[in-house]
Amino acid sequence: MSKAFNEFIRGITKDNPTFGLVLGLCPALAVTTSVDNAIGMSAGTAFVLVGANLMVSALRNYIPSTVRLPIFILIIATFVSIVDMVMEAYTPPLYAALGVFIPLIVVNCIIIGRAEAYANKNNMFYSLIDALGISAGFLLALVTIGGIRELLGTGQIVVFGQMIVSIPMMSPASYMILPPGAFLTIGILMAIINHRRAKKLARGE
């Protein structure tokens, strides 16, 4: 397999920002009350991550190391402002649901971390692949968490007005769409993933 493909897959699996690197837990906990919110936050974060990685990689030889972090944050904030304005203009319900967590993308450890650890040291092509892989991993994590919480909390999954899954439930576990439900869902998923990783290590894989 090519290096580019390996880099992309690593962002989804080993370096998955939520379940692998354990970064970006604030939005993973706060906005995953529904699949809609999970997709919206993932899309916004992906746009910022791709834009920031490309910009940082393009300018990496011109940015003095002593001021690189403030410049990275300035670049990230520019793309976040675009996301904020576009969501407010074209998807007002989603914008209202995500609220303060859209501007907080500026200080998301996933984006700052990839700019510092990867884009600042690699060319634009591999920085793009890295951003796409991490974005896909973040989307997978948030949609999984949001889907579980929405299904158990409401008995159904509705994506942008379309019913995807509906399970008749006498009494939906409404606490699943509250903060304790987020901690419980992420905790169980991470326990399962860590158990599988431990078994692979024990087999020498």
N, C-alpha and C. Protein backbone atom coordinates (compact mmCIF):
# COMPACT_ATOMS: atom_id res chain seq x y z
N MET A 1 0.84 -1.20 0.00
CA MET A 1 0.00 0.00 0.00
C MET A 1 0.87 1.25 0.00
N SER A 2 0.40 2.30 -0.66
CA SER A 2 1.17 3.52 -0.76
C SER A 2 1.21 4.24 0.58
N LYS A 3 2.19 5.11 0.70
CA LYS A 3 2.31 5.89 1.93
C LYS A 3 1.08 6.76 2.15
N ALA A 4 0.56 7.35 1.08
CA ALA A 4 -0.60 8.23 1.20
C ALA A 4 -1.81 7.46 1.75
N PHE A 5 -2.03 6.25 1.23
CA PHE A 5 -3.16 5.44 1.70
C PHE A 5 -2.97 5.08 3.17
N ASN A 6 -1.75 4.70 3.53
CA ASN A 6 -1.45 4.36 4.93
C ASN A 6 -1.69 5.54 5.86
N GLU A 7 -1.30 6.73 5.40
CA GLU A 7 -1.51 7.93 6.21
C GLU A 7 -3.00 8.19 6.41
N PHE A 8 -3.77 7.99 5.35
CA PHE A 8 -5.22 8.22 5.44
C PHE A 8 -5.86 7.23 6.40
N ILE A 9 -5.54 5.96 6.26
CA ILE A 9 -6.13 4.92 7.11
C ILE A 9 -5.72 5.11 8.56
N ARG A 10 -4.49 5.55 8.78
CA ARG A 10 -4.02 5.76 10.16
C ARG A 10 -4.85 6.81 10.88
N GLY A 11 -5.31 7.83 10.14
CA GLY A 11 -6.15 8.86 10.75
C GLY A 11 -7.49 8.33 11.20
N ILE A 12 -7.95 7.26 10.56
CA ILE A 12 -9.24 6.67 10.92
C ILE A 12 -9.09 5.65 12.05
N THR A 13 -7.97 4.94 12.05
CA THR A 13 -7.79 3.84 13.01
C THR A 13 -6.84 4.22 14.15
N LYS A 14 -5.56 4.00 13.95
CA LYS A 14 -4.58 4.19 15.02
C LYS A 14 -4.57 5.61 15.58
N ASP A 15 -4.61 6.60 14.69
CA ASP A 15 -4.58 8.00 15.12
C ASP A 15 -5.96 8.64 15.12
N ASN A 16 -7.01 7.81 15.27
CA ASN A 16 -8.35 8.38 15.37
C ASN A 16 -8.35 9.43 16.47
N PRO A 17 -8.76 10.66 16.17
CA PRO A 17 -8.61 11.73 17.16
C PRO A 17 -9.37 11.50 18.46
N THR A 18 -10.51 10.83 18.39
CA THR A 18 -11.32 10.62 19.60
C THR A 18 -10.92 9.35 20.34
N PHE A 19 -10.81 8.24 19.62
CA PHE A 19 -10.58 6.96 20.27
C PHE A 19 -9.11 6.54 20.30
N GLY A 20 -8.28 7.19 19.47
CA GLY A 20 -6.86 6.85 19.44
C GLY A 20 -6.00 7.88 20.15
N LEU A 21 -6.10 9.13 19.73
CA LEU A 21 -5.31 10.21 20.33
C LEU A 21 -6.01 10.84 21.53
N VAL A 22 -7.29 10.53 21.69
CA VAL A 22 -8.12 11.08 22.78
C VAL A 22 -8.05 12.61 22.79
N LEU A 23 -8.29 13.19 21.62
CA LEU A 23 -8.33 14.64 21.48
C LEU A 23 -9.74 15.05 21.03
N GLY A 24 -10.06 16.32 21.20
CA GLY A 24 -11.34 16.82 20.74
C GLY A 24 -12.52 16.22 21.48
N LEU A 25 -12.33 15.90 22.76
CA LEU A 25 -13.42 15.29 23.52
C LEU A 25 -14.52 16.29 23.88
N CYS A 26 -14.20 17.57 23.89
CA CYS A 26 -15.23 18.58 24.23
C CYS A 26 -16.40 18.51 23.25
N PRO A 27 -16.18 18.61 21.93
CA PRO A 27 -17.32 18.47 21.02
C PRO A 27 -17.89 17.06 21.01
N ALA A 28 -17.04 16.06 21.21
CA ALA A 28 -17.52 14.68 21.22
C ALA A 28 -18.51 14.45 22.36
N LEU A 29 -18.30 15.13 23.47
CA LEU A 29 -19.21 15.02 24.61
C LEU A 29 -20.41 15.94 24.48
N ALA A 30 -20.20 17.13 23.96
CA ALA A 30 -21.22 18.18 24.05
C ALA A 30 -22.24 18.17 22.91
N VAL A 31 -21.79 17.91 21.68
CA VAL A 31 -22.70 18.11 20.54
C VAL A 31 -23.26 16.82 19.96
N THR A 32 -22.87 15.67 20.50
CA THR A 32 -23.30 14.40 19.89
C THR A 32 -24.65 13.93 20.44
N THR A 33 -25.57 14.85 20.63
CA THR A 33 -26.91 14.46 21.06
C THR A 33 -27.72 13.92 19.90
N SER A 34 -27.24 14.13 18.67
CA SER A 34 -27.93 13.62 17.49
C SER A 34 -26.92 13.44 16.37
N VAL A 35 -27.30 12.64 15.38
CA VAL A 35 -26.43 12.42 14.22
C VAL A 35 -26.29 13.72 13.42
N ASP A 36 -27.36 14.50 13.33
CA ASP A 36 -27.29 15.80 12.64
C ASP A 36 -26.16 16.67 13.20
N ASN A 37 -26.15 16.81 14.51
CA ASN A 37 -25.13 17.63 15.16
C ASN A 37 -23.73 17.06 14.92
N ALA A 38 -23.63 15.73 14.99
CA ALA A 38 -22.33 15.08 14.80
C ALA A 38 -21.79 15.34 13.40
N ILE A 39 -22.67 15.22 12.40
CA ILE A 39 -22.24 15.47 11.02
C ILE A 39 -21.87 16.94 10.83
N GLY A 40 -22.67 17.84 11.38
CA GLY A 40 -22.39 19.27 11.25
C GLY A 40 -21.06 19.66 11.87
N MET A 41 -20.81 19.19 13.09
CA MET A 41 -19.54 19.50 13.74
C MET A 41 -18.36 18.87 13.01
N SER A 42 -18.54 17.65 12.53
CA SER A 42 -17.47 16.98 11.79
C SER A 42 -17.15 17.71 10.49
N ALA A 43 -18.19 18.15 9.79
CA ALA A 43 -17.98 18.87 8.52
C ALA A 43 -17.25 20.19 8.75
N GLY A 44 -17.68 20.93 9.77
CA GLY A 44 -17.01 22.20 10.08
C GLY A 44 -15.56 21.99 10.47
N THR A 45 -15.32 20.99 11.31
CA THR A 45 -13.96 20.70 11.75
C THR A 45 -13.10 20.24 10.58
N ALA A 46 -13.68 19.44 9.69
CA ALA A 46 -12.94 18.95 8.52
C ALA A 46 -12.51 20.10 7.62
N PHE A 47 -13.42 21.04 7.37
CA PHE A 47 -13.09 22.19 6.53
C PHE A 47 -11.93 22.98 7.13
N VAL A 48 -12.00 23.22 8.43
CA VAL A 48 -10.94 23.98 9.09
C VAL A 48 -9.63 23.21 9.09
N LEU A 49 -9.70 21.91 9.35
CA LEU A 49 -8.49 21.10 9.41
C LEU A 49 -7.80 21.02 8.05
N VAL A 50 -8.57 20.80 7.00
CA VAL A 50 -7.98 20.74 5.66
C VAL A 50 -7.37 22.08 5.29
N GLY A 51 -8.11 23.15 5.50
CA GLY A 51 -7.60 24.48 5.16
C GLY A 51 -6.36 24.85 5.95
N ALA A 52 -6.39 24.58 7.26
CA ALA A 52 -5.26 24.93 8.12
C ALA A 52 -4.02 24.10 7.77
N ASN A 53 -4.21 22.80 7.55
CA ASN A 53 -3.08 21.94 7.20
C ASN A 53 -2.42 22.40 5.90
N LEU A 54 -3.23 22.70 4.90
CA LEU A 54 -2.67 23.15 3.62
C LEU A 54 -1.94 24.49 3.77
N MET A 55 -2.53 25.42 4.50
CA MET A 55 -1.93 26.73 4.67
C MET A 55 -0.63 26.65 5.47
N VAL A 56 -0.67 25.89 6.56
CA VAL A 56 0.54 25.75 7.39
C VAL A 56 1.65 25.07 6.60
N SER A 57 1.30 24.03 5.85
CA SER A 57 2.32 23.33 5.06
C SER A 57 2.92 24.25 4.00
N ALA A 58 2.07 25.05 3.35
CA ALA A 58 2.55 25.95 2.30
C ALA A 58 3.48 27.04 2.85
N LEU A 59 3.22 27.44 4.09
CA LEU A 59 3.99 28.55 4.68
C LEU A 59 5.05 28.09 5.67
N ARG A 60 5.23 26.78 5.82
CA ARG A 60 6.08 26.28 6.91
C ARG A 60 7.52 26.76 6.84
N ASN A 61 8.02 27.02 5.64
CA ASN A 61 9.41 27.48 5.50
C ASN A 61 9.55 28.99 5.71
N TYR A 62 8.42 29.67 5.87
CA TYR A 62 8.45 31.13 6.01
C TYR A 62 8.00 31.60 7.39
N ILE A 63 7.50 30.67 8.20
CA ILE A 63 6.99 31.05 9.53
C ILE A 63 8.12 30.88 10.56
N PRO A 64 8.54 31.95 11.23
CA PRO A 64 9.56 31.82 12.27
C PRO A 64 9.08 30.89 13.38
N SER A 65 9.95 30.02 13.84
CA SER A 65 9.55 29.03 14.85
C SER A 65 9.10 29.68 16.15
N THR A 66 9.62 30.87 16.43
CA THR A 66 9.29 31.52 17.70
C THR A 66 7.85 32.02 17.76
N VAL A 67 7.24 32.22 16.60
CA VAL A 67 5.86 32.74 16.58
C VAL A 67 4.91 31.79 15.83
N ARG A 68 5.33 30.55 15.65
CA ARG A 68 4.54 29.66 14.81
C ARG A 68 3.15 29.37 15.41
N LEU A 69 3.06 29.18 16.74
CA LEU A 69 1.77 28.85 17.34
C LEU A 69 0.75 29.97 17.20
N PRO A 70 1.12 31.24 17.49
CA PRO A 70 0.15 32.32 17.25
C PRO A 70 -0.28 32.41 15.79
N ILE A 71 0.64 32.17 14.86
CA ILE A 71 0.29 32.22 13.45
C ILE A 71 -0.63 31.05 13.09
N PHE A 72 -0.35 29.86 13.65
CA PHE A 72 -1.24 28.71 13.41
C PHE A 72 -2.66 29.03 13.88
N ILE A 73 -2.77 29.62 15.06
CA ILE A 73 -4.09 29.94 15.60
C ILE A 73 -4.79 30.99 14.74
N LEU A 74 -4.03 31.96 14.23
CA LEU A 74 -4.60 32.97 13.34
C LEU A 74 -5.14 32.33 12.06
N ILE A 75 -4.39 31.40 11.50
CA ILE A 75 -4.83 30.70 10.29
C ILE A 75 -6.09 29.89 10.58
N ILE A 76 -6.08 29.16 11.70
CA ILE A 76 -7.24 28.35 12.08
C ILE A 76 -8.46 29.23 12.30
N ALA A 77 -8.27 30.35 13.00
CA ALA A 77 -9.38 31.26 13.29
C ALA A 77 -10.01 31.81 12.01
N THR A 78 -9.19 32.02 10.98
CA THR A 78 -9.72 32.51 9.71
C THR A 78 -10.70 31.51 9.10
N PHE A 79 -10.30 30.25 9.09
CA PHE A 79 -11.18 29.21 8.52
C PHE A 79 -12.40 28.98 9.41
N VAL A 80 -12.24 29.09 10.71
CA VAL A 80 -13.39 28.94 11.61
C VAL A 80 -14.40 30.06 11.37
N SER A 81 -13.93 31.26 11.11
CA SER A 81 -14.83 32.38 10.83
C SER A 81 -15.66 32.11 9.57
N ILE A 82 -15.03 31.48 8.58
CA ILE A 82 -15.76 31.13 7.36
C ILE A 82 -16.86 30.11 7.68
N VAL A 83 -16.51 29.08 8.44
CA VAL A 83 -17.49 28.05 8.84
C VAL A 83 -18.63 28.70 9.61
N ASP A 84 -18.29 29.56 10.54
CA ASP A 84 -19.30 30.22 11.37
C ASP A 84 -20.29 31.01 10.53
N MET A 85 -19.78 31.79 9.59
CA MET A 85 -20.66 32.63 8.76
C MET A 85 -21.50 31.80 7.80
N VAL A 86 -20.90 30.75 7.21
CA VAL A 86 -21.64 29.91 6.27
C VAL A 86 -22.75 29.15 6.99
N MET A 87 -22.45 28.58 8.15
CA MET A 87 -23.48 27.85 8.89
C MET A 87 -24.61 28.77 9.33
N GLU A 88 -24.26 29.96 9.79
CA GLU A 88 -25.29 30.90 10.23
C GLU A 88 -26.19 31.31 9.06
N ALA A 89 -25.62 31.43 7.87
CA ALA A 89 -26.38 31.89 6.72
C ALA A 89 -27.23 30.78 6.09
N TYR A 90 -26.69 29.56 6.03
CA TYR A 90 -27.35 28.51 5.26
C TYR A 90 -27.97 27.38 6.10
N THR A 91 -27.52 27.20 7.32
CA THR A 91 -28.10 26.15 8.17
C THR A 91 -28.36 26.69 9.58
N PRO A 92 -29.30 27.64 9.69
CA PRO A 92 -29.55 28.26 11.00
C PRO A 92 -29.89 27.27 12.12
N PRO A 93 -30.71 26.22 11.88
CA PRO A 93 -31.00 25.29 12.98
C PRO A 93 -29.74 24.57 13.48
N LEU A 94 -28.89 24.16 12.55
CA LEU A 94 -27.64 23.50 12.94
C LEU A 94 -26.72 24.48 13.65
N TYR A 95 -26.68 25.70 13.16
CA TYR A 95 -25.86 26.74 13.78
C TYR A 95 -26.30 26.98 15.22
N ALA A 96 -27.62 27.01 15.43
CA ALA A 96 -28.15 27.22 16.78
C ALA A 96 -27.86 26.03 17.68
N ALA A 97 -27.93 24.82 17.11
CA ALA A 97 -27.70 23.61 17.90
C ALA A 97 -26.24 23.50 18.34
N LEU A 98 -25.32 23.86 17.45
CA LEU A 98 -23.89 23.75 17.78
C LEU A 98 -23.43 24.91 18.65
N GLY A 99 -24.04 26.06 18.48
CA GLY A 99 -23.79 27.21 19.34
C GLY A 99 -22.33 27.58 19.49
N VAL A 100 -21.89 27.69 20.73
CA VAL A 100 -20.55 28.18 21.04
C VAL A 100 -19.46 27.22 20.59
N PHE A 101 -19.83 25.98 20.28
CA PHE A 101 -18.81 24.99 19.92
C PHE A 101 -18.26 25.20 18.52
N ILE A 102 -18.92 26.04 17.72
CA ILE A 102 -18.33 26.39 16.41
C ILE A 102 -17.10 27.29 16.59
N PRO A 103 -17.20 28.42 17.28
CA PRO A 103 -15.98 29.22 17.49
C PRO A 103 -14.92 28.51 18.30
N LEU A 104 -15.32 27.55 19.13
CA LEU A 104 -14.34 26.81 19.92
C LEU A 104 -13.49 25.87 19.08
N ILE A 105 -13.85 25.69 17.81
CA ILE A 105 -12.99 24.90 16.92
C ILE A 105 -11.60 25.52 16.84
N VAL A 106 -11.53 26.83 17.05
CA VAL A 106 -10.23 27.53 16.99
C VAL A 106 -9.21 26.89 17.92
N VAL A 107 -9.65 26.47 19.10
CA VAL A 107 -8.72 25.91 20.08
C VAL A 107 -8.86 24.40 20.19
N ASN A 108 -9.42 23.78 19.17
CA ASN A 108 -9.53 22.32 19.15
C ASN A 108 -8.14 21.71 19.05
N CYS A 109 -7.81 20.84 20.00
CA CYS A 109 -6.47 20.24 20.04
C CYS A 109 -6.15 19.42 18.80
N ILE A 110 -7.19 18.89 18.15
CA ILE A 110 -6.96 18.09 16.94
C ILE A 110 -6.31 18.96 15.87
N ILE A 111 -6.87 20.14 15.64
CA ILE A 111 -6.40 21.00 14.55
C ILE A 111 -5.04 21.60 14.86
N ILE A 112 -4.89 22.13 16.06
CA ILE A 112 -3.60 22.70 16.45
C ILE A 112 -2.53 21.61 16.46
N GLY A 113 -2.90 20.44 16.96
CA GLY A 113 -1.94 19.32 17.03
C GLY A 113 -1.47 18.87 15.67
N ARG A 114 -2.38 18.76 14.70
CA ARG A 114 -1.97 18.32 13.36
C ARG A 114 -1.15 19.39 12.66
N ALA A 115 -1.49 20.66 12.90
CA ALA A 115 -0.69 21.73 12.31
C ALA A 115 0.74 21.70 12.83
N GLU A 116 0.89 21.50 14.12
CA GLU A 116 2.21 21.50 14.75
C GLU A 116 2.98 20.21 14.48
N ALA A 117 2.30 19.07 14.62
CA ALA A 117 2.99 17.78 14.54
C ALA A 117 3.16 17.27 13.12
N TYR A 118 2.28 17.66 12.21
CA TYR A 118 2.34 17.07 10.86
C TYR A 118 2.51 18.11 9.75
N ALA A 119 1.57 19.02 9.62
CA ALA A 119 1.61 19.97 8.49
C ALA A 119 2.87 20.83 8.51
N ASN A 120 3.36 21.13 9.70
CA ASN A 120 4.55 21.96 9.84
C ASN A 120 5.82 21.23 9.41
N LYS A 121 5.71 19.91 9.15
CA LYS A 121 6.89 19.12 8.81
C LYS A 121 6.77 18.37 7.48
N ASN A 122 5.61 18.49 6.82
CA ASN A 122 5.38 17.72 5.59
C ASN A 122 4.85 18.62 4.48
N ASN A 123 4.93 18.08 3.25
CA ASN A 123 4.48 18.88 2.10
C ASN A 123 2.95 18.95 2.05
N MET A 124 2.44 19.73 1.11
CA MET A 124 1.00 20.00 1.06
C MET A 124 0.19 18.74 0.74
N PHE A 125 0.73 17.88 -0.12
CA PHE A 125 -0.03 16.68 -0.49
C PHE A 125 -0.25 15.78 0.72
N TYR A 126 0.81 15.47 1.44
CA TYR A 126 0.66 14.59 2.60
C TYR A 126 -0.08 15.28 3.75
N SER A 127 0.03 16.59 3.83
CA SER A 127 -0.74 17.33 4.83
C SER A 127 -2.22 17.25 4.53
N LEU A 128 -2.57 17.28 3.23
CA LEU A 128 -3.97 17.12 2.83
C LEU A 128 -4.47 15.72 3.17
N ILE A 129 -3.68 14.71 2.86
CA ILE A 129 -4.06 13.32 3.16
C ILE A 129 -4.24 13.14 4.66
N ASP A 130 -3.33 13.70 5.44
CA ASP A 130 -3.44 13.61 6.90
C ASP A 130 -4.73 14.26 7.38
N ALA A 131 -5.04 15.43 6.86
CA ALA A 131 -6.25 16.14 7.27
C ALA A 131 -7.50 15.36 6.90
N LEU A 132 -7.52 14.76 5.72
CA LEU A 132 -8.68 13.98 5.29
C LEU A 132 -8.86 12.73 6.14
N GLY A 133 -7.74 12.07 6.47
CA GLY A 133 -7.82 10.88 7.30
C GLY A 133 -8.30 11.18 8.71
N ILE A 134 -7.74 12.23 9.32
CA ILE A 134 -8.16 12.62 10.66
C ILE A 134 -9.62 13.08 10.65
N SER A 135 -10.02 13.79 9.60
CA SER A 135 -11.41 14.25 9.49
C SER A 135 -12.36 13.06 9.37
N ALA A 136 -11.98 12.06 8.58
CA ALA A 136 -12.82 10.87 8.43
C ALA A 136 -12.93 10.12 9.76
N GLY A 137 -11.81 10.05 10.48
CA GLY A 137 -11.83 9.39 11.79
C GLY A 137 -12.70 10.13 12.79
N PHE A 138 -12.63 11.45 12.75
CA PHE A 138 -13.44 12.27 13.65
C PHE A 138 -14.93 12.13 13.32
N LEU A 139 -15.24 12.12 12.01
CA LEU A 139 -16.63 11.93 11.57
C LEU A 139 -17.15 10.57 12.03
N LEU A 140 -16.36 9.54 11.84
CA LEU A 140 -16.77 8.19 12.25
C LEU A 140 -17.05 8.14 13.74
N ALA A 141 -16.15 8.74 14.53
CA ALA A 141 -16.31 8.73 15.98
C ALA A 141 -17.56 9.48 16.41
N LEU A 142 -17.74 10.71 15.89
CA LEU A 142 -18.87 11.53 16.33
C LEU A 142 -20.21 10.94 15.87
N VAL A 143 -20.26 10.42 14.65
CA VAL A 143 -21.52 9.83 14.17
C VAL A 143 -21.86 8.57 14.95
N THR A 144 -20.85 7.79 15.29
CA THR A 144 -21.10 6.59 16.11
C THR A 144 -21.65 6.97 17.47
N ILE A 145 -20.99 7.93 18.13
CA ILE A 145 -21.45 8.37 19.44
C ILE A 145 -22.84 9.00 19.34
N GLY A 146 -23.02 9.89 18.36
CA GLY A 146 -24.30 10.57 18.20
C GLY A 146 -25.42 9.61 17.85
N GLY A 147 -25.12 8.61 17.00
CA GLY A 147 -26.13 7.64 16.61
C GLY A 147 -26.60 6.80 17.79
N ILE A 148 -25.66 6.35 18.61
CA ILE A 148 -26.00 5.54 19.79
C ILE A 148 -26.83 6.36 20.77
N ARG A 149 -26.39 7.59 21.03
CA ARG A 149 -27.11 8.43 22.00
C ARG A 149 -28.51 8.80 21.50
N GLU A 150 -28.61 9.15 20.22
CA GLU A 150 -29.92 9.53 19.69
C GLU A 150 -30.88 8.34 19.67
N LEU A 151 -30.37 7.17 19.26
CA LEU A 151 -31.23 5.99 19.18
C LEU A 151 -31.73 5.56 20.56
N LEU A 152 -30.82 5.50 21.53
CA LEU A 152 -31.22 5.07 22.87
C LEU A 152 -32.01 6.16 23.60
N GLY A 153 -31.72 7.42 23.28
CA GLY A 153 -32.37 8.51 23.98
C GLY A 153 -33.74 8.88 23.45
N THR A 154 -33.97 8.61 22.15
CA THR A 154 -35.26 8.98 21.54
C THR A 154 -35.97 7.82 20.85
N GLY A 155 -35.26 6.73 20.64
CA GLY A 155 -35.86 5.59 19.96
C GLY A 155 -35.81 5.68 18.46
N GLN A 156 -35.12 6.68 17.94
CA GLN A 156 -35.05 6.84 16.49
C GLN A 156 -33.80 7.63 16.11
N ILE A 157 -33.44 7.53 14.83
CA ILE A 157 -32.36 8.34 14.28
C ILE A 157 -32.92 9.09 13.08
N VAL A 158 -32.88 10.40 13.15
CA VAL A 158 -33.37 11.26 12.06
C VAL A 158 -32.18 12.08 11.55
N VAL A 159 -31.92 11.97 10.26
CA VAL A 159 -30.80 12.69 9.66
C VAL A 159 -31.35 13.71 8.68
N PHE A 160 -31.21 14.99 9.03
CA PHE A 160 -31.66 16.11 8.20
C PHE A 160 -33.11 15.91 7.74
N GLY A 161 -33.95 15.55 8.70
CA GLY A 161 -35.38 15.44 8.45
C GLY A 161 -35.84 14.10 7.91
N GLN A 162 -34.92 13.18 7.61
CA GLN A 162 -35.27 11.88 7.07
C GLN A 162 -35.12 10.80 8.15
N MET A 163 -36.18 10.04 8.37
CA MET A 163 -36.13 8.95 9.35
C MET A 163 -35.23 7.83 8.82
N ILE A 164 -34.19 7.50 9.57
CA ILE A 164 -33.26 6.45 9.17
C ILE A 164 -33.56 5.15 9.93
N VAL A 165 -33.73 5.26 11.22
CA VAL A 165 -34.02 4.10 12.07
C VAL A 165 -35.07 4.50 13.08
N SER A 166 -36.00 3.60 13.33
CA SER A 166 -37.01 3.84 14.37
C SER A 166 -37.25 2.53 15.10
N ILE A 167 -37.07 2.55 16.41
CA ILE A 167 -37.29 1.37 17.24
C ILE A 167 -38.34 1.72 18.28
N PRO A 168 -39.48 1.05 18.24
CA PRO A 168 -40.51 1.32 19.25
C PRO A 168 -39.97 1.02 20.65
N MET A 169 -40.04 2.00 21.52
CA MET A 169 -39.55 1.83 22.90
C MET A 169 -40.61 2.37 23.86
N MET A 170 -40.91 1.59 24.88
CA MET A 170 -41.90 2.03 25.85
C MET A 170 -41.44 3.29 26.58
N SER A 171 -40.15 3.30 26.89
CA SER A 171 -39.60 4.44 27.63
C SER A 171 -38.16 4.67 27.20
N PRO A 172 -37.92 5.55 26.21
CA PRO A 172 -36.55 5.84 25.78
C PRO A 172 -35.69 6.32 26.94
N ALA A 173 -34.43 5.95 26.92
CA ALA A 173 -33.51 6.35 27.98
C ALA A 173 -33.07 7.79 27.73
N SER A 174 -33.91 8.74 28.14
CA SER A 174 -33.67 10.14 27.80
C SER A 174 -32.37 10.68 28.38
N TYR A 175 -31.84 10.03 29.41
CA TYR A 175 -30.57 10.50 29.97
C TYR A 175 -29.41 10.32 28.99
N MET A 176 -29.61 9.50 27.93
CA MET A 176 -28.54 9.28 26.96
C MET A 176 -28.25 10.53 26.14
N ILE A 177 -29.22 11.45 26.03
CA ILE A 177 -28.95 12.68 25.30
C ILE A 177 -28.54 13.82 26.24
N LEU A 178 -28.32 13.47 27.51
CA LEU A 178 -27.79 14.41 28.49
C LEU A 178 -26.30 14.14 28.69
N PRO A 179 -25.57 15.04 29.34
CA PRO A 179 -24.13 14.84 29.52
C PRO A 179 -23.72 13.48 30.08
N PRO A 180 -24.43 12.91 31.09
CA PRO A 180 -24.02 11.58 31.57
C PRO A 180 -24.05 10.52 30.47
N GLY A 181 -25.00 10.65 29.54
CA GLY A 181 -25.07 9.71 28.43
C GLY A 181 -23.86 9.78 27.53
N ALA A 182 -23.32 11.00 27.36
CA ALA A 182 -22.13 11.16 26.53
C ALA A 182 -20.93 10.46 27.17
N PHE A 183 -20.73 10.69 28.47
CA PHE A 183 -19.62 10.04 29.17
C PHE A 183 -19.76 8.52 29.13
N LEU A 184 -20.98 8.03 29.34
CA LEU A 184 -21.22 6.60 29.35
C LEU A 184 -20.94 5.99 27.98
N THR A 185 -21.43 6.62 26.92
CA THR A 185 -21.24 6.10 25.57
C THR A 185 -19.77 6.07 25.18
N ILE A 186 -19.08 7.19 25.39
CA ILE A 186 -17.66 7.25 25.03
C ILE A 186 -16.85 6.26 25.87
N GLY A 187 -17.16 6.17 27.15
CA GLY A 187 -16.44 5.25 28.02
C GLY A 187 -16.57 3.80 27.57
N ILE A 188 -17.79 3.39 27.23
CA ILE A 188 -18.00 2.01 26.79
C ILE A 188 -17.31 1.75 25.45
N LEU A 189 -17.43 2.69 24.52
CA LEU A 189 -16.78 2.51 23.22
C LEU A 189 -15.27 2.43 23.35
N MET A 190 -14.68 3.30 24.17
CA MET A 190 -13.23 3.28 24.36
C MET A 190 -12.79 2.00 25.06
N ALA A 191 -13.60 1.49 25.98
CA ALA A 191 -13.27 0.23 26.66
C ALA A 191 -13.24 -0.92 25.66
N ILE A 192 -14.22 -0.95 24.76
CA ILE A 192 -14.27 -2.00 23.75
C ILE A 192 -13.05 -1.92 22.82
N ILE A 193 -12.74 -0.70 22.36
CA ILE A 193 -11.61 -0.51 21.45
C ILE A 193 -10.30 -0.87 22.13
N ASN A 194 -10.10 -0.45 23.38
CA ASN A 194 -8.87 -0.76 24.10
C ASN A 194 -8.75 -2.26 24.38
N HIS A 195 -9.88 -2.92 24.62
CA HIS A 195 -9.85 -4.37 24.84
C HIS A 195 -9.40 -5.09 23.57
N ARG A 196 -9.90 -4.65 22.42
CA ARG A 196 -9.51 -5.27 21.15
C ARG A 196 -8.03 -5.01 20.86
N ARG A 197 -7.57 -3.82 21.15
CA ARG A 197 -6.15 -3.51 20.94
C ARG A 197 -5.27 -4.35 21.84
N ALA A 198 -5.68 -4.52 23.09
CA ALA A 198 -4.90 -5.34 24.02
C ALA A 198 -4.82 -6.78 23.55
N LYS A 199 -5.92 -7.31 23.01
CA LYS A 199 -5.92 -8.69 22.50
C LYS A 199 -4.98 -8.82 21.30
N LYS A 200 -4.96 -7.80 20.44
CA LYS A 200 -4.07 -7.84 19.28
C LYS A 200 -2.60 -7.80 19.73
N LEU A 201 -2.30 -6.96 20.71
CA LEU A 201 -0.94 -6.88 21.22
C LEU A 201 -0.52 -8.20 21.85
N ALA A 202 -1.44 -8.83 22.56
CA ALA A 202 -1.14 -10.12 23.19
C ALA A 202 -0.84 -11.19 22.16
N ARG A 203 -1.49 -11.09 20.98
CA ARG A 203 -1.23 -12.06 19.90
C ARG A 203 -0.02 -11.67 19.07
N GLY A 204 0.55 -10.49 19.37
CA GLY A 204 1.73 -10.03 18.64
C GLY A 204 1.42 -9.44 17.29
N GLU A 205 0.19 -8.97 17.09
CA GLU A 205 -0.19 -8.37 15.81
C GLU A 205 0.18 -6.89 15.77
